Amino acid sequence: MFFEAALMAWAPALGATGYEVQWSRTKYPWRNASKTPVYTAATSTLLEGLDPGTWFYRVRGIDPYVPGPVKQMTWSDPVQIKLAKPTFSVQDGSVTVRHVTH
């Protein structure tokens, strides 16, 4: 489980110089939760600001050297992650003092 942000990582795809990442509340039907695509040259990304609960993410490689107009590879299988709700506790503020003897 994660709290507030999730680090998503994947194995590199042969030929990919970058990756597109999407996330969704549902595995099927897929509903991309981001209005703006997330692109990265790394094999990981940190998604912040997600509400607690179950999410799914998927990744596809981008290969600029593939012939033709489509440079995107196929999507990975969706991976499930769970974001935990924050929990807090209030301490009573008391302090324990021990005297040290020499």
PDB file of N, CA and C in Angstrom:
ATOM      1  N   MET A   1       0.830  -1.181   0.000  1.00  0.00           N
ATOM      2  CA  MET A   1       0.000   0.000   0.000  1.00  0.00           C
ATOM      3  C   MET A   1       0.875   1.245   0.000  1.00  0.00           C
ATOM      4  N   PHE A   2       0.322   2.284  -0.544  1.00  0.00           N
ATOM      5  CA  PHE A   2       1.018   3.564  -0.613  1.00  0.00           C
ATOM      6  C   PHE A   2       0.171   4.618   0.097  1.00  0.00           C
ATOM      7  N   PHE A   3       0.765   5.760   0.416  1.00  0.00           N
ATOM      8  CA  PHE A   3       0.053   6.871   1.042  1.00  0.00           C
ATOM      9  C   PHE A   3       0.356   8.138   0.269  1.00  0.00           C
ATOM     10  N   GLU A   4      -0.667   8.800  -0.236  1.00  0.00           N
ATOM     11  CA  GLU A   4      -0.613  10.071  -0.957  1.00  0.00           C
ATOM     12  C   GLU A   4       0.001  10.004  -2.348  1.00  0.00           C
ATOM     13  N   ALA A   5       1.007   9.216  -2.546  1.00  0.00           N
ATOM     14  CA  ALA A   5       1.660   9.133  -3.852  1.00  0.00           C
ATOM     15  C   ALA A   5       2.096   7.701  -4.088  1.00  0.00           C
ATOM     16  N   ALA A   6       2.145   7.333  -5.355  1.00  0.00           N
ATOM     17  CA  ALA A   6       2.544   5.969  -5.699  1.00  0.00           C
ATOM     18  C   ALA A   6       3.697   6.016  -6.688  1.00  0.00           C
ATOM     19  N   LEU A   7       4.717   5.238  -6.406  1.00  0.00           N
ATOM     20  CA  LEU A   7       5.833   5.098  -7.323  1.00  0.00           C
ATOM     21  C   LEU A   7       5.550   3.895  -8.199  1.00  0.00           C
ATOM     22  N   MET A   8       5.451   4.133  -9.485  1.00  0.00           N
ATOM     23  CA  MET A   8       5.185   3.067 -10.430  1.00  0.00           C
ATOM     24  C   MET A   8       6.444   2.816 -11.232  1.00  0.00           C
ATOM     25  N   ALA A   9       6.816   1.557 -11.354  1.00  0.00           N
ATOM     26  CA  ALA A   9       8.039   1.192 -12.073  1.00  0.00           C
ATOM     27  C   ALA A   9       7.753  -0.009 -12.959  1.00  0.00           C
ATOM     28  N   TRP A  10       8.532  -0.132 -14.035  1.00  0.00           N
ATOM     29  CA  TRP A  10       8.337  -1.215 -14.988  1.00  0.00           C
ATOM     30  C   TRP A  10       9.672  -1.554 -15.635  1.00  0.00           C
ATOM     31  N   ALA A  11       9.711  -2.731 -16.236  1.00  0.00           N
ATOM     32  CA  ALA A  11      10.908  -3.162 -16.956  1.00  0.00           C
ATOM     33  C   ALA A  11      10.998  -2.404 -18.275  1.00  0.00           C
ATOM     34  N   PRO A  12      12.201  -2.089 -18.736  1.00  0.00           N
ATOM     35  CA  PRO A  12      12.335  -1.370 -20.002  1.00  0.00           C
ATOM     36  C   PRO A  12      11.855  -2.216 -21.182  1.00  0.00           C
ATOM     37  N   ALA A  13      11.277  -1.557 -22.174  1.00  0.00           N
ATOM     38  CA  ALA A  13      10.834  -2.225 -23.400  1.00  0.00           C
ATOM     39  C   ALA A  13      11.917  -2.059 -24.462  1.00  0.00           C
ATOM     40  N   LEU A  14      12.218  -3.117 -25.161  1.00  0.00           N
ATOM     41  CA  LEU A  14      13.239  -3.085 -26.192  1.00  0.00           C
ATOM     42  C   LEU A  14      12.884  -2.064 -27.267  1.00  0.00           C
ATOM     43  N   GLY A  15      13.767  -1.106 -27.498  1.00  0.00           N
ATOM     44  CA  GLY A  15      13.561  -0.083 -28.516  1.00  0.00           C
ATOM     45  C   GLY A  15      12.873   1.172 -28.032  1.00  0.00           C
ATOM     46  N   ALA A  16      12.304   1.161 -26.841  1.00  0.00           N
ATOM     47  CA  ALA A  16      11.587   2.342 -26.339  1.00  0.00           C
ATOM     48  C   ALA A  16      12.568   3.404 -25.865  1.00  0.00           C
ATOM     49  N   THR A  17      12.322   4.642 -26.279  1.00  0.00           N
ATOM     50  CA  THR A  17      13.116   5.772 -25.793  1.00  0.00           C
ATOM     51  C   THR A  17      12.333   6.585 -24.779  1.00  0.00           C
ATOM     52  N   GLY A  18      11.072   6.261 -24.599  1.00  0.00           N
ATOM     53  CA  GLY A  18      10.210   6.924 -23.637  1.00  0.00           C
ATOM     54  C   GLY A  18       8.986   6.070 -23.375  1.00  0.00           C
ATOM     55  N   TYR A  19       8.173   6.519 -22.422  1.00  0.00           N
ATOM     56  CA  TYR A  19       6.999   5.760 -22.009  1.00  0.00           C
ATOM     57  C   TYR A  19       5.825   6.696 -21.755  1.00  0.00           C
ATOM     58  N   GLU A  20       4.638   6.201 -22.046  1.00  0.00           N
ATOM     59  CA  GLU A  20       3.398   6.893 -21.702  1.00  0.00           C
ATOM     60  C   GLU A  20       2.742   6.101 -20.582  1.00  0.00           C
ATOM     61  N   VAL A  21       2.279   6.801 -19.553  1.00  0.00           N
ATOM     62  CA  VAL A  21       1.670   6.155 -18.389  1.00  0.00           C
ATOM     63  C   VAL A  21       0.237   6.665 -18.242  1.00  0.00           C
ATOM     64  N   GLN A  22      -0.683   5.756 -18.001  1.00  0.00           N
ATOM     65  CA  GLN A  22      -2.078   6.104 -17.713  1.00  0.00           C
ATOM     66  C   GLN A  22      -2.501   5.400 -16.432  1.00  0.00           C
ATOM     67  N   TRP A  23      -3.500   5.963 -15.751  1.00  0.00           N
ATOM     68  CA  TRP A  23      -4.066   5.322 -14.574  1.00  0.00           C
ATOM     69  C   TRP A  23      -5.575   5.500 -14.592  1.00  0.00           C
ATOM     70  N   SER A  24      -6.249   4.546 -13.952  1.00  0.00           N
ATOM     71  CA  SER A  24      -7.704   4.483 -13.994  1.00  0.00           C
ATOM     72  C   SER A  24      -8.220   3.894 -12.686  1.00  0.00           C
ATOM     73  N   ARG A  25      -9.441   4.241 -12.309  1.00  0.00           N
ATOM     74  CA  ARG A  25     -10.082   3.643 -11.143  1.00  0.00           C
ATOM     75  C   ARG A  25     -10.586   2.245 -11.453  1.00  0.00           C
ATOM     76  N   THR A  26     -10.834   1.967 -12.721  1.00  0.00           N
ATOM     77  CA  THR A  26     -11.375   0.668 -13.116  1.00  0.00           C
ATOM     78  C   THR A  26     -10.427  -0.018 -14.091  1.00  0.00           C
ATOM     79  N   LYS A  27     -10.337  -1.330 -13.958  1.00  0.00           N
ATOM     80  CA  LYS A  27      -9.514  -2.101 -14.884  1.00  0.00           C
ATOM     81  C   LYS A  27     -10.230  -2.257 -16.214  1.00  0.00           C
ATOM     82  N   TYR A  28     -11.529  -2.511 -16.126  1.00  0.00           N
ATOM     83  CA  TYR A  28     -12.341  -2.614 -17.335  1.00  0.00           C
ATOM     84  C   TYR A  28     -13.725  -2.084 -17.030  1.00  0.00           C
ATOM     85  N   PRO A  29     -14.282  -1.183 -17.783  1.00  0.00           N
ATOM     86  CA  PRO A  29     -13.622  -0.523 -18.915  1.00  0.00           C
ATOM     87  C   PRO A  29     -12.576   0.478 -18.423  1.00  0.00           C
ATOM     88  N   TRP A  30     -11.521   0.608 -19.189  1.00  0.00           N
ATOM     89  CA  TRP A  30     -10.444   1.541 -18.838  1.00  0.00           C
ATOM     90  C   TRP A  30     -10.947   2.963 -19.037  1.00  0.00           C
ATOM     91  N   ARG A  31     -10.783   3.785 -18.002  1.00  0.00           N
ATOM     92  CA  ARG A  31     -11.137   5.210 -18.081  1.00  0.00           C
ATOM     93  C   ARG A  31      -9.943   5.997 -17.579  1.00  0.00           C
ATOM     94  N   ASN A  32      -9.180   6.550 -18.504  1.00  0.00           N
ATOM     95  CA  ASN A  32      -7.986   7.299 -18.138  1.00  0.00           C
ATOM     96  C   ASN A  32      -8.359   8.448 -17.208  1.00  0.00           C
ATOM     97  N   ALA A  33      -7.750   8.497 -16.032  1.00  0.00           N
ATOM     98  CA  ALA A  33      -8.085   9.505 -15.028  1.00  0.00           C
ATOM     99  C   ALA A  33      -7.370  10.829 -15.257  1.00  0.00           C
ATOM    100  N   SER A  34      -6.384  10.857 -16.126  1.00  0.00           N
ATOM    101  CA  SER A  34      -5.628  12.082 -16.379  1.00  0.00           C
ATOM    102  C   SER A  34      -6.063  12.713 -17.692  1.00  0.00           C
ATOM    103  N   LYS A  35      -6.261  14.013 -17.671  1.00  0.00           N
ATOM    104  CA  LYS A  35      -6.601  14.734 -18.903  1.00  0.00           C
ATOM    105  C   LYS A  35      -5.351  14.985 -19.757  1.00  0.00           C
ATOM    106  N   THR A  36      -4.191  14.997 -19.111  1.00  0.00           N
ATOM    107  CA  THR A  36      -2.927  15.239 -19.795  1.00  0.00           C
ATOM    108  C   THR A  36      -2.081  13.972 -19.744  1.00  0.00           C
ATOM    109  N   PRO A  37      -1.597  13.493 -20.875  1.00  0.00           N
ATOM    110  CA  PRO A  37      -0.753  12.292 -20.850  1.00  0.00           C
ATOM    111  C   PRO A  37       0.519  12.524 -20.041  1.00  0.00           C
ATOM    112  N   VAL A  38       0.976  11.472 -19.381  1.00  0.00           N
ATOM    113  CA  VAL A  38       2.239  11.521 -18.652  1.00  0.00           C
ATOM    114  C   VAL A  38       3.268  10.764 -19.478  1.00  0.00           C
ATOM    115  N   TYR A  39       4.324  11.479 -19.867  1.00  0.00           N
ATOM    116  CA  TYR A  39       5.417  10.879 -20.629  1.00  0.00           C
ATOM    117  C   TYR A  39       6.688  10.976 -19.801  1.00  0.00           C
ATOM    118  N   THR A  40       7.519   9.947 -19.882  1.00  0.00           N
ATOM    119  CA  THR A  40       8.789   9.947 -19.176  1.00  0.00           C
ATOM    120  C   THR A  40       9.802   9.122 -19.971  1.00  0.00           C
ATOM    121  N   ALA A  41      11.064   9.488 -19.842  1.00  0.00           N
ATOM    122  CA  ALA A  41      12.136   8.702 -20.450  1.00  0.00           C
ATOM    123  C   ALA A  41      12.628   7.636 -19.474  1.00  0.00           C
ATOM    124  N   ALA A  42      12.210   7.741 -18.221  1.00  0.00           N
ATOM    125  CA  ALA A  42      12.623   6.795 -17.183  1.00  0.00           C
ATOM    126  C   ALA A  42      11.717   5.567 -17.188  1.00  0.00           C
ATOM    127  N   THR A  43      12.087   4.573 -16.407  1.00  0.00           N
ATOM    128  CA  THR A  43      11.248   3.383 -16.262  1.00  0.00           C
ATOM    129  C   THR A  43      10.493   3.406 -14.935  1.00  0.00           C
ATOM    130  N   SER A  44      10.188   4.619 -14.467  1.00  0.00           N
ATOM    131  CA  SER A  44       9.368   4.795 -13.276  1.00  0.00           C
ATOM    132  C   SER A  44       8.824   6.209 -13.276  1.00  0.00           C
ATOM    133  N   THR A  45       7.764   6.394 -12.523  1.00  0.00           N
ATOM    134  CA  THR A  45       7.204   7.732 -12.342  1.00  0.00           C
ATOM    135  C   THR A  45       6.466   7.775 -11.014  1.00  0.00           C
ATOM    136  N   LEU A  46       6.357   8.949 -10.437  1.00  0.00           N
ATOM    137  CA  LEU A  46       5.649   9.151  -9.177  1.00  0.00           C
ATOM    138  C   LEU A  46       4.331   9.847  -9.482  1.00  0.00           C
ATOM    139  N   LEU A  47       3.232   9.210  -9.123  1.00  0.00           N
ATOM    140  CA  LEU A  47       1.922   9.826  -9.297  1.00  0.00           C
ATOM    141  C   LEU A  47       1.461  10.354  -7.951  1.00  0.00           C
ATOM    142  N   GLU A  48       1.180  11.639  -7.912  1.00  0.00           N
ATOM    143  CA  GLU A  48       0.769  12.284  -6.664  1.00  0.00           C
ATOM    144  C   GLU A  48      -0.646  12.815  -6.797  1.00  0.00           C
ATOM    145  N   GLY A  49      -1.279  13.034  -5.652  1.00  0.00           N
ATOM    146  CA  GLY A  49      -2.607  13.644  -5.639  1.00  0.00           C
ATOM    147  C   GLY A  49      -3.740  12.687  -5.944  1.00  0.00           C
ATOM    148  N   LEU A  50      -3.492  11.381  -5.870  1.00  0.00           N
ATOM    149  CA  LEU A  50      -4.554  10.412  -6.102  1.00  0.00           C
ATOM    150  C   LEU A  50      -5.340  10.192  -4.815  1.00  0.00           C
ATOM    151  N   ASP A  51      -6.635  10.016  -4.945  1.00  0.00           N
ATOM    152  CA  ASP A  51      -7.479   9.731  -3.785  1.00  0.00           C
ATOM    153  C   ASP A  51      -7.188   8.323  -3.266  1.00  0.00           C
ATOM    154  N   PRO A  52      -7.412   8.088  -1.976  1.00  0.00           N
ATOM    155  CA  PRO A  52      -7.230   6.737  -1.445  1.00  0.00           C
ATOM    156  C   PRO A  52      -8.155   5.744  -2.144  1.00  0.00           C
ATOM    157  N   GLY A  53      -7.717   4.505  -2.186  1.00  0.00           N
ATOM    158  CA  GLY A  53      -8.518   3.453  -2.790  1.00  0.00           C
ATOM    159  C   GLY A  53      -7.715   2.672  -3.809  1.00  0.00           C
ATOM    160  N   THR A  54      -8.418   1.880  -4.604  1.00  0.00           N
ATOM    161  CA  THR A  54      -7.787   1.039  -5.607  1.00  0.00           C
ATOM    162  C   THR A  54      -7.646   1.781  -6.922  1.00  0.00           C
ATOM    163  N   TRP A  55      -6.474   1.663  -7.527  1.00  0.00           N
ATOM    164  CA  TRP A  55      -6.167   2.259  -8.824  1.00  0.00           C
ATOM    165  C   TRP A  55      -5.485   1.203  -9.694  1.00  0.00           C
ATOM    166  N   PHE A  56      -5.479   1.464 -10.981  1.00  0.00           N
ATOM    167  CA  PHE A  56      -4.765   0.623 -11.939  1.00  0.00           C
ATOM    168  C   PHE A  56      -3.905   1.535 -12.804  1.00  0.00           C
ATOM    169  N   TYR A  57      -2.734   1.059 -13.182  1.00  0.00           N
ATOM    170  CA  TYR A  57      -1.927   1.834 -14.123  1.00  0.00           C
ATOM    171  C   TYR A  57      -1.444   0.919 -15.232  1.00  0.00           C
ATOM    172  N   ARG A  58      -1.159   1.534 -16.377  1.00  0.00           N
ATOM    173  CA  ARG A  58      -0.603   0.802 -17.511  1.00  0.00           C
ATOM    174  C   ARG A  58       0.411   1.689 -18.214  1.00  0.00           C
ATOM    175  N   VAL A  59       1.309   1.052 -18.945  1.00  0.00           N
ATOM    176  CA  VAL A  59       2.427   1.759 -19.575  1.00  0.00           C
ATOM    177  C   VAL A  59       2.589   1.236 -20.995  1.00  0.00           C
ATOM    178  N   ARG A  60       3.004   2.122 -21.893  1.00  0.00           N
ATOM    179  CA  ARG A  60       3.411   1.668 -23.226  1.00  0.00           C
ATOM    180  C   ARG A  60       4.649   2.432 -23.648  1.00  0.00           C
ATOM    181  N   GLY A  61       5.502   1.733 -24.353  1.00  0.00           N
ATOM    182  CA  GLY A  61       6.737   2.331 -24.833  1.00  0.00           C
ATOM    183  C   GLY A  61       6.499   3.178 -26.068  1.00  0.00           C
ATOM    184  N   ILE A  62       7.378   4.129 -26.271  1.00  0.00           N
ATOM    185  CA  ILE A  62       7.383   4.978 -27.458  1.00  0.00           C
ATOM    186  C   ILE A  62       8.699   4.709 -28.186  1.00  0.00           C
ATOM    187  N   ASP A  63       8.587   4.315 -29.455  1.00  0.00           N
ATOM    188  CA  ASP A  63       9.779   4.028 -30.267  1.00  0.00           C
ATOM    189  C   ASP A  63       9.732   4.912 -31.516  1.00  0.00           C
ATOM    190  N   PRO A  64      10.519   6.000 -31.544  1.00  0.00           N
ATOM    191  CA  PRO A  64      10.467   6.916 -32.679  1.00  0.00           C
ATOM    192  C   PRO A  64      11.003   6.330 -33.988  1.00  0.00           C
ATOM    193  N   TYR A  65      11.642   5.173 -33.913  1.00  0.00           N
ATOM    194  CA  TYR A  65      12.244   4.588 -35.105  1.00  0.00           C
ATOM    195  C   TYR A  65      11.357   3.547 -35.784  1.00  0.00           C
ATOM    196  N   VAL A  66      10.166   3.320 -35.241  1.00  0.00           N
ATOM    197  CA  VAL A  66       9.223   2.401 -35.877  1.00  0.00           C
ATOM    198  C   VAL A  66       8.724   3.059 -37.159  1.00  0.00           C
ATOM    199  N   PRO A  67       8.740   2.341 -38.286  1.00  0.00           N
ATOM    200  CA  PRO A  67       8.251   2.934 -39.540  1.00  0.00           C
ATOM    201  C   PRO A  67       6.759   3.252 -39.444  1.00  0.00           C
ATOM    202  N   GLY A  68       6.362   4.315 -40.095  1.00  0.00           N
ATOM    203  CA  GLY A  68       4.952   4.697 -40.123  1.00  0.00           C
ATOM    204  C   GLY A  68       4.619   5.747 -39.092  1.00  0.00           C
ATOM    205  N   PRO A  69       3.370   6.190 -39.086  1.00  0.00           N
ATOM    206  CA  PRO A  69       2.974   7.296 -38.215  1.00  0.00           C
ATOM    207  C   PRO A  69       2.768   6.900 -36.750  1.00  0.00           C
ATOM    208  N   VAL A  70       2.500   5.631 -36.462  1.00  0.00           N
ATOM    209  CA  VAL A  70       2.238   5.206 -35.082  1.00  0.00           C
ATOM    210  C   VAL A  70       3.552   4.801 -34.420  1.00  0.00           C
ATOM    211  N   LYS A  71       3.927   5.522 -33.385  1.00  0.00           N
ATOM    212  CA  LYS A  71       5.204   5.283 -32.697  1.00  0.00           C
ATOM    213  C   LYS A  71       5.011   4.589 -31.344  1.00  0.00           C
ATOM    214  N   GLN A  72       3.761   4.424 -30.920  1.00  0.00           N
ATOM    215  CA  GLN A  72       3.482   3.826 -29.621  1.00  0.00           C
ATOM    216  C   GLN A  72       3.425   2.302 -29.733  1.00  0.00           C
ATOM    217  N   MET A  73       3.941   1.650 -28.708  1.00  0.00           N
ATOM    218  CA  MET A  73       3.847   0.198 -28.595  1.00  0.00           C
ATOM    219  C   MET A  73       2.501  -0.138 -27.952  1.00  0.00           C
ATOM    220  N   THR A  74       2.230  -1.418 -27.762  1.00  0.00           N
ATOM    221  CA  THR A  74       0.970  -1.802 -27.124  1.00  0.00           C
ATOM    222  C   THR A  74       1.038  -1.530 -25.626  1.00  0.00           C
ATOM    223  N   TRP A  75      -0.148  -1.393 -25.025  1.00  0.00           N
ATOM    224  CA  TRP A  75      -0.228  -1.141 -23.589  1.00  0.00           C
ATOM    225  C   TRP A  75       0.156  -2.393 -22.809  1.00  0.00           C
ATOM    226  N   SER A  76       0.773  -2.179 -21.663  1.00  0.00           N
ATOM    227  CA  SER A  76       1.043  -3.289 -20.742  1.00  0.00           C
ATOM    228  C   SER A  76      -0.280  -3.744 -20.124  1.00  0.00           C
ATOM    229  N   ASP A  77      -0.261  -4.895 -19.491  1.00  0.00           N
ATOM    230  CA  ASP A  77      -1.422  -5.301 -18.708  1.00  0.00           C
ATOM    231  C   ASP A  77      -1.560  -4.336 -17.539  1.00  0.00           C
ATOM    232  N   PRO A  78      -2.785  -3.975 -17.141  1.00  0.00           N
ATOM    233  CA  PRO A  78      -2.960  -3.074 -15.998  1.00  0.00           C
ATOM    234  C   PRO A  78      -2.430  -3.694 -14.704  1.00  0.00           C
ATOM    235  N   VAL A  79      -1.824  -2.846 -13.878  1.00  0.00           N
ATOM    236  CA  VAL A  79      -1.294  -3.259 -12.586  1.00  0.00           C
ATOM    237  C   VAL A  79      -2.114  -2.560 -11.503  1.00  0.00           C
ATOM    238  N   GLN A  80      -2.563  -3.327 -10.519  1.00  0.00           N
ATOM    239  CA  GLN A  80      -3.382  -2.773  -9.438  1.00  0.00           C
ATOM    240  C   GLN A  80      -2.500  -2.249  -8.313  1.00  0.00           C
ATOM    241  N   ILE A  81      -2.858  -1.082  -7.786  1.00  0.00           N
ATOM    242  CA  ILE A  81      -2.212  -0.534  -6.602  1.00  0.00           C
ATOM    243  C   ILE A  81      -3.304  -0.057  -5.649  1.00  0.00           C
ATOM    244  N   LYS A  82      -2.980   0.034  -4.363  1.00  0.00           N
ATOM    245  CA  LYS A  82      -3.925   0.538  -3.373  1.00  0.00           C
ATOM    246  C   LYS A  82      -3.281   1.690  -2.627  1.00  0.00           C
ATOM    247  N   LEU A  83      -4.004   2.789  -2.551  1.00  0.00           N
ATOM    248  CA  LEU A  83      -3.548   3.954  -1.796  1.00  0.00           C
ATOM    249  C   LEU A  83      -4.289   3.970  -0.470  1.00  0.00           C
ATOM    250  N   ALA A  84      -3.543   4.069   0.621  1.00  0.00           N
ATOM    251  CA  ALA A  84      -4.123   4.043   1.960  1.00  0.00           C
ATOM    252  C   ALA A  84      -4.657   5.418   2.353  1.00  0.00           C
ATOM    253  N   LYS A  85      -5.682   5.400   3.188  1.00  0.00           N
ATOM    254  CA  LYS A  85      -6.175   6.648   3.775  1.00  0.00           C
ATOM    255  C   LYS A  85      -5.191   7.063   4.867  1.00  0.00           C
ATOM    256  N   PRO A  86      -5.001   8.369   5.032  1.00  0.00           N
ATOM    257  CA  PRO A  86      -4.097   8.807   6.099  1.00  0.00           C
ATOM    258  C   PRO A  86      -4.690   8.506   7.469  1.00  0.00           C
ATOM    259  N   THR A  87      -3.859   8.136   8.405  1.00  0.00           N
ATOM    260  CA  THR A  87      -4.294   7.931   9.783  1.00  0.00           C
ATOM    261  C   THR A  87      -3.424   8.783  10.694  1.00  0.00           C
ATOM    262  N   PHE A  88      -4.039   9.318  11.698  1.00  0.00           N
ATOM    263  CA  PHE A  88      -3.345  10.195  12.628  1.00  0.00           C
ATOM    264  C   PHE A  88      -3.685   9.782  14.049  1.00  0.00           C
ATOM    265  N   SER A  89      -2.784  10.045  14.958  1.00  0.00           N
ATOM    266  CA  SER A  89      -3.075   9.839  16.371  1.00  0.00           C
ATOM    267  C   SER A  89      -2.571  11.056  17.136  1.00  0.00           C
ATOM    268  N   VAL A  90      -3.283  11.377  18.182  1.00  0.00           N
ATOM    269  CA  VAL A  90      -2.926  12.530  19.006  1.00  0.00           C
ATOM    270  C   VAL A  90      -2.266  12.011  20.273  1.00  0.00           C
ATOM    271  N   GLN A  91      -1.098  12.533  20.553  1.00  0.00           N
ATOM    272  CA  GLN A  91      -0.376  12.143  21.757  1.00  0.00           C
ATOM    273  C   GLN A  91      -0.772  13.081  22.891  1.00  0.00           C
ATOM    274  N   ASP A  92      -0.675  12.608  24.120  1.00  0.00           N
ATOM    275  CA  ASP A  92      -1.095  13.425  25.261  1.00  0.00           C
ATOM    276  C   ASP A  92      -0.109  14.532  25.606  1.00  0.00           C
ATOM    277  N   GLY A  93       1.066  14.507  25.030  1.00  0.00           N
ATOM    278  CA  GLY A  93       2.030  15.583  25.247  1.00  0.00           C
ATOM    279  C   GLY A  93       2.858  15.434  26.514  1.00  0.00           C
ATOM    280  N   SER A  94       2.646  14.386  27.267  1.00  0.00           N
ATOM    281  CA  SER A  94       3.434  14.222  28.499  1.00  0.00           C
ATOM    282  C   SER A  94       4.853  13.783  28.150  1.00  0.00           C
ATOM    283  N   VAL A  95       5.752  14.104  29.053  1.00  0.00           N
ATOM    284  CA  VAL A  95       7.153  13.776  28.854  1.00  0.00           C
ATOM    285  C   VAL A  95       7.632  12.957  30.050  1.00  0.00           C
ATOM    286  N   THR A  96       8.326  11.907  29.768  1.00  0.00           N
ATOM    287  CA  THR A  96       8.890  11.091  30.847  1.00  0.00           C
ATOM    288  C   THR A  96      10.323  11.566  31.084  1.00  0.00           C
ATOM    289  N   VAL A  97      10.624  11.848  32.336  1.00  0.00           N
ATOM    290  CA  VAL A  97      11.948  12.326  32.695  1.00  0.00           C
ATOM    291  C   VAL A  97      12.617  11.291  33.596  1.00  0.00           C
ATOM    292  N   ARG A  98      13.822  10.915  33.240  1.00  0.00           N
ATOM    293  CA  ARG A  98      14.600  10.009  34.080  1.00  0.00           C
ATOM    294  C   ARG A  98      15.858  10.736  34.505  1.00  0.00           C
ATOM    295  N   HIS A  99      16.104  10.669  35.774  1.00  0.00           N
ATOM    296  CA  HIS A  99      17.324  11.285  36.297  1.00  0.00           C
ATOM    297  C   HIS A  99      18.481  10.314  36.137  1.00  0.00           C
ATOM    298  N   VAL A 100      19.589  10.833  35.680  1.00  0.00           N
ATOM    299  CA  VAL A 100      20.786  10.020  35.472  1.00  0.00           C
ATOM    300  C   VAL A 100      21.677  10.154  36.703  1.00  0.00           C
ATOM    301  N   THR A 101      22.074   9.029  37.237  1.00  0.00           N
ATOM    302  CA  THR A 101      22.984   9.078  38.381  1.00  0.00           C
ATOM    303  C   THR A 101      24.371   8.653  37.922  1.00  0.00           C
ATOM    304  N   HIS A 102      25.364   9.283  38.484  1.00  0.00           N
ATOM    305  CA  HIS A 102      26.751   8.979  38.093  1.00  0.00           C
ATOM    306  C   HIS A 102      27.365   8.005  39.008  1.00  0.00           C
TER     307      HIS A 102
END
